[in-house]
């Protein structure tokens, strides 16, 4: 249970940040239809665009679940 209260908020935060990137930054420029990303940042943006917001919803769901588990664990300890 303690491991869940550490991993779930971290994973939820990472996925939420990853899912919000398409709403902040434009899609990376590419020279031709078959050109790939020129650096790691463009790769991250392309993968986050392919998620179509799914990363954001999963991240928020993990954050809500982790807060629920943390409050439930603290309620059981009292």
N, C-alpha and C. Protein backbone atom coordinates (compact mmCIF):
# COMPACT_ATOMS: atom_id res chain seq x y z
N UNK A 1 0.83 -1.20 0.00
CA UNK A 1 0.00 0.00 0.00
C UNK A 1 0.87 1.25 0.00
N UNK A 2 1.99 1.20 0.72
CA UNK A 2 2.86 2.36 0.77
C UNK A 2 3.50 2.63 -0.59
N UNK A 3 3.80 1.56 -1.33
CA UNK A 3 4.38 1.71 -2.66
C UNK A 3 3.38 2.37 -3.61
N UNK A 4 2.11 2.03 -3.49
CA UNK A 4 1.08 2.66 -4.32
C UNK A 4 0.97 4.15 -4.04
N UNK A 5 1.14 4.53 -2.79
CA UNK A 5 1.01 5.94 -2.44
C UNK A 5 2.21 6.76 -2.91
N UNK A 6 3.27 6.09 -3.35
CA UNK A 6 4.43 6.80 -3.89
C UNK A 6 4.42 6.79 -5.42
N UNK A 7 4.17 5.62 -6.00
CA UNK A 7 4.28 5.47 -7.45
C UNK A 7 3.10 6.10 -8.19
N UNK A 8 1.89 5.92 -7.71
CA UNK A 8 0.72 6.43 -8.43
C UNK A 8 0.72 7.96 -8.59
N UNK A 9 1.03 8.74 -7.55
CA UNK A 9 1.06 10.20 -7.77
C UNK A 9 2.17 10.63 -8.74
N UNK A 10 3.32 9.96 -8.66
CA UNK A 10 4.42 10.31 -9.56
C UNK A 10 4.05 9.98 -11.00
N UNK A 11 3.51 8.79 -11.22
CA UNK A 11 3.10 8.39 -12.57
C UNK A 11 1.95 9.26 -13.07
N UNK A 12 1.01 9.60 -12.20
CA UNK A 12 -0.09 10.47 -12.60
C UNK A 12 0.37 11.86 -12.97
N UNK A 13 1.34 12.39 -12.24
CA UNK A 13 1.89 13.72 -12.56
C UNK A 13 2.63 13.70 -13.88
N UNK A 14 3.44 12.67 -14.11
CA UNK A 14 4.18 12.58 -15.37
C UNK A 14 3.22 12.46 -16.55
N UNK A 15 2.22 11.61 -16.44
CA UNK A 15 1.26 11.45 -17.53
C UNK A 15 0.43 12.71 -17.74
N UNK A 16 0.10 13.41 -16.68
CA UNK A 16 -0.66 14.66 -16.84
C UNK A 16 0.16 15.72 -17.55
N UNK A 17 1.43 15.84 -17.19
CA UNK A 17 2.31 16.80 -17.88
C UNK A 17 2.48 16.39 -19.33
N UNK A 18 2.67 15.09 -19.56
CA UNK A 18 2.82 14.57 -20.91
C UNK A 18 1.56 14.80 -21.74
N UNK A 19 0.40 14.69 -21.11
CA UNK A 19 -0.86 14.88 -21.82
C UNK A 19 -1.22 16.33 -22.09
N UNK A 20 -0.66 17.25 -21.31
CA UNK A 20 -0.99 18.66 -21.49
C UNK A 20 -0.09 19.34 -22.53
N UNK A 21 1.01 18.69 -22.92
CA UNK A 21 1.94 19.27 -23.89
C UNK A 21 1.29 19.65 -25.22
N UNK A 22 0.41 18.82 -25.80
CA UNK A 22 -0.19 19.22 -27.08
C UNK A 22 -1.05 20.48 -26.99
N UNK A 23 -1.54 20.79 -25.82
CA UNK A 23 -2.35 21.99 -25.66
C UNK A 23 -1.51 23.25 -25.50
N UNK A 24 -0.21 23.08 -25.23
CA UNK A 24 0.69 24.22 -25.02
C UNK A 24 1.57 24.48 -26.24
N UNK A 25 2.11 23.41 -26.84
CA UNK A 25 3.08 23.55 -27.93
C UNK A 25 2.48 23.08 -29.24
N UNK A 26 2.96 23.66 -30.34
CA UNK A 26 2.54 23.25 -31.68
C UNK A 26 3.23 21.95 -32.05
N UNK A 27 2.65 21.29 -33.05
CA UNK A 27 3.25 20.06 -33.56
C UNK A 27 4.59 20.40 -34.20
N UNK A 28 5.62 19.58 -34.00
CA UNK A 28 6.95 19.91 -34.54
C UNK A 28 6.94 19.96 -36.06
N UNK A 29 7.75 20.85 -36.60
CA UNK A 29 7.88 21.01 -38.04
C UNK A 29 8.61 19.80 -38.63
N UNK A 30 8.13 19.32 -39.78
CA UNK A 30 8.82 18.24 -40.47
C UNK A 30 8.94 18.59 -41.95
N UNK A 31 10.07 18.25 -42.56
CA UNK A 31 10.35 18.60 -43.95
C UNK A 31 9.51 17.80 -44.94
N UNK A 32 9.30 16.55 -44.66
CA UNK A 32 8.52 15.70 -45.57
C UNK A 32 7.65 14.76 -44.74
N UNK A 33 6.73 14.08 -45.38
CA UNK A 33 5.84 13.19 -44.61
C UNK A 33 6.58 12.05 -43.89
N UNK A 34 7.73 11.64 -44.41
CA UNK A 34 8.46 10.52 -43.81
C UNK A 34 9.61 10.96 -42.90
N UNK A 35 9.72 12.24 -42.64
CA UNK A 35 10.83 12.69 -41.78
C UNK A 35 10.47 12.47 -40.31
N UNK A 36 11.46 12.11 -39.54
CA UNK A 36 11.25 11.84 -38.13
C UNK A 36 11.67 13.03 -37.28
N UNK A 37 11.59 12.87 -35.98
CA UNK A 37 11.99 13.96 -35.09
C UNK A 37 13.51 14.18 -35.13
N UNK A 38 13.91 15.42 -35.01
CA UNK A 38 15.35 15.73 -35.07
C UNK A 38 15.99 15.70 -33.69
N UNK A 39 15.19 15.72 -32.62
CA UNK A 39 15.76 15.65 -31.27
C UNK A 39 14.74 15.00 -30.33
N UNK A 40 15.14 14.84 -29.09
CA UNK A 40 14.29 14.16 -28.11
C UNK A 40 13.01 14.95 -27.81
N UNK A 41 13.11 16.26 -27.76
CA UNK A 41 11.94 17.09 -27.47
C UNK A 41 10.86 16.91 -28.53
N UNK A 42 11.27 16.89 -29.81
CA UNK A 42 10.30 16.68 -30.88
C UNK A 42 9.68 15.29 -30.80
N UNK A 43 10.46 14.29 -30.41
CA UNK A 43 9.92 12.95 -30.23
C UNK A 43 8.87 12.93 -29.12
N UNK A 44 9.16 13.59 -28.02
CA UNK A 44 8.20 13.66 -26.91
C UNK A 44 6.92 14.36 -27.36
N UNK A 45 7.04 15.45 -28.09
CA UNK A 45 5.85 16.14 -28.59
C UNK A 45 5.05 15.28 -29.56
N UNK A 46 5.72 14.56 -30.43
CA UNK A 46 5.02 13.70 -31.39
C UNK A 46 4.27 12.57 -30.68
N UNK A 47 4.90 11.98 -29.68
CA UNK A 47 4.24 10.91 -28.94
C UNK A 47 3.06 11.46 -28.14
N UNK A 48 3.21 12.64 -27.56
CA UNK A 48 2.10 13.21 -26.80
C UNK A 48 0.95 13.62 -27.72
N UNK A 49 1.25 14.05 -28.94
CA UNK A 49 0.19 14.35 -29.90
C UNK A 49 -0.53 13.09 -30.34
N UNK A 50 0.19 11.97 -30.45
CA UNK A 50 -0.45 10.72 -30.85
C UNK A 50 -1.39 10.19 -29.78
N UNK A 51 -1.19 10.59 -28.53
CA UNK A 51 -2.07 10.15 -27.45
C UNK A 51 -3.44 10.79 -27.50
N UNK A 52 -3.57 11.92 -28.20
CA UNK A 52 -4.84 12.63 -28.38
C UNK A 52 -5.56 12.93 -27.06
N UNK A 53 -4.81 13.31 -26.04
CA UNK A 53 -5.41 13.68 -24.77
C UNK A 53 -5.65 12.52 -23.82
N UNK A 54 -5.42 11.29 -24.29
CA UNK A 54 -5.63 10.13 -23.44
C UNK A 54 -4.66 10.13 -22.26
N UNK A 55 -3.44 10.59 -22.49
CA UNK A 55 -2.46 10.66 -21.41
C UNK A 55 -2.94 11.57 -20.28
N UNK A 56 -3.58 12.66 -20.65
CA UNK A 56 -4.07 13.61 -19.66
C UNK A 56 -5.17 12.98 -18.80
N UNK A 57 -6.10 12.30 -19.42
CA UNK A 57 -7.20 11.68 -18.67
C UNK A 57 -6.69 10.56 -17.76
N UNK A 58 -5.77 9.75 -18.27
CA UNK A 58 -5.22 8.67 -17.45
C UNK A 58 -4.41 9.25 -16.28
N UNK A 59 -3.65 10.32 -16.53
CA UNK A 59 -2.87 10.95 -15.47
C UNK A 59 -3.75 11.53 -14.37
N UNK A 60 -4.83 12.18 -14.77
CA UNK A 60 -5.75 12.75 -13.78
C UNK A 60 -6.43 11.63 -13.00
N UNK A 61 -6.80 10.55 -13.69
CA UNK A 61 -7.43 9.43 -13.00
C UNK A 61 -6.48 8.79 -11.99
N UNK A 62 -5.21 8.67 -12.34
CA UNK A 62 -4.23 8.12 -11.40
C UNK A 62 -4.03 9.04 -10.21
N UNK A 63 -4.02 10.35 -10.44
CA UNK A 63 -3.88 11.29 -9.33
C UNK A 63 -5.07 11.20 -8.38
N UNK A 64 -6.27 11.14 -8.93
CA UNK A 64 -7.47 11.03 -8.09
C UNK A 64 -7.45 9.72 -7.32
N UNK A 65 -7.09 8.63 -8.00
CA UNK A 65 -7.02 7.34 -7.32
C UNK A 65 -5.97 7.33 -6.22
N UNK A 66 -4.83 7.94 -6.48
CA UNK A 66 -3.78 7.95 -5.46
C UNK A 66 -4.19 8.79 -4.24
N UNK A 67 -4.84 9.93 -4.46
CA UNK A 67 -5.30 10.73 -3.32
C UNK A 67 -6.36 9.99 -2.52
N UNK A 68 -7.24 9.26 -3.23
CA UNK A 68 -8.24 8.46 -2.54
C UNK A 68 -7.58 7.38 -1.68
N UNK A 69 -6.56 6.71 -2.23
CA UNK A 69 -5.87 5.66 -1.47
C UNK A 69 -5.10 6.23 -0.29
N UNK A 70 -4.49 7.40 -0.47
CA UNK A 70 -3.74 8.02 0.63
C UNK A 70 -4.69 8.42 1.76
N UNK A 71 -5.83 9.04 1.43
CA UNK A 71 -6.78 9.44 2.48
C UNK A 71 -7.39 8.22 3.16
N UNK A 72 -7.62 7.16 2.40
CA UNK A 72 -8.18 5.95 2.97
C UNK A 72 -7.15 5.30 3.93
N UNK A 73 -5.88 5.32 3.52
CA UNK A 73 -4.84 4.75 4.37
C UNK A 73 -4.68 5.56 5.66
N UNK A 74 -4.75 6.86 5.56
CA UNK A 74 -4.62 7.69 6.78
C UNK A 74 -5.84 7.54 7.68
N UNK A 75 -7.02 7.33 7.08
CA UNK A 75 -8.22 7.15 7.87
C UNK A 75 -8.15 5.83 8.65
N UNK A 76 -7.56 4.80 8.05
CA UNK A 76 -7.42 3.53 8.73
C UNK A 76 -6.40 3.59 9.86
N UNK A 77 -5.41 4.46 9.74
CA UNK A 77 -4.39 4.58 10.78
C UNK A 77 -4.88 5.32 12.00
N UNK A 78 -5.87 6.19 11.85
CA UNK A 78 -6.36 6.98 12.98
C UNK A 78 -7.31 6.22 13.83
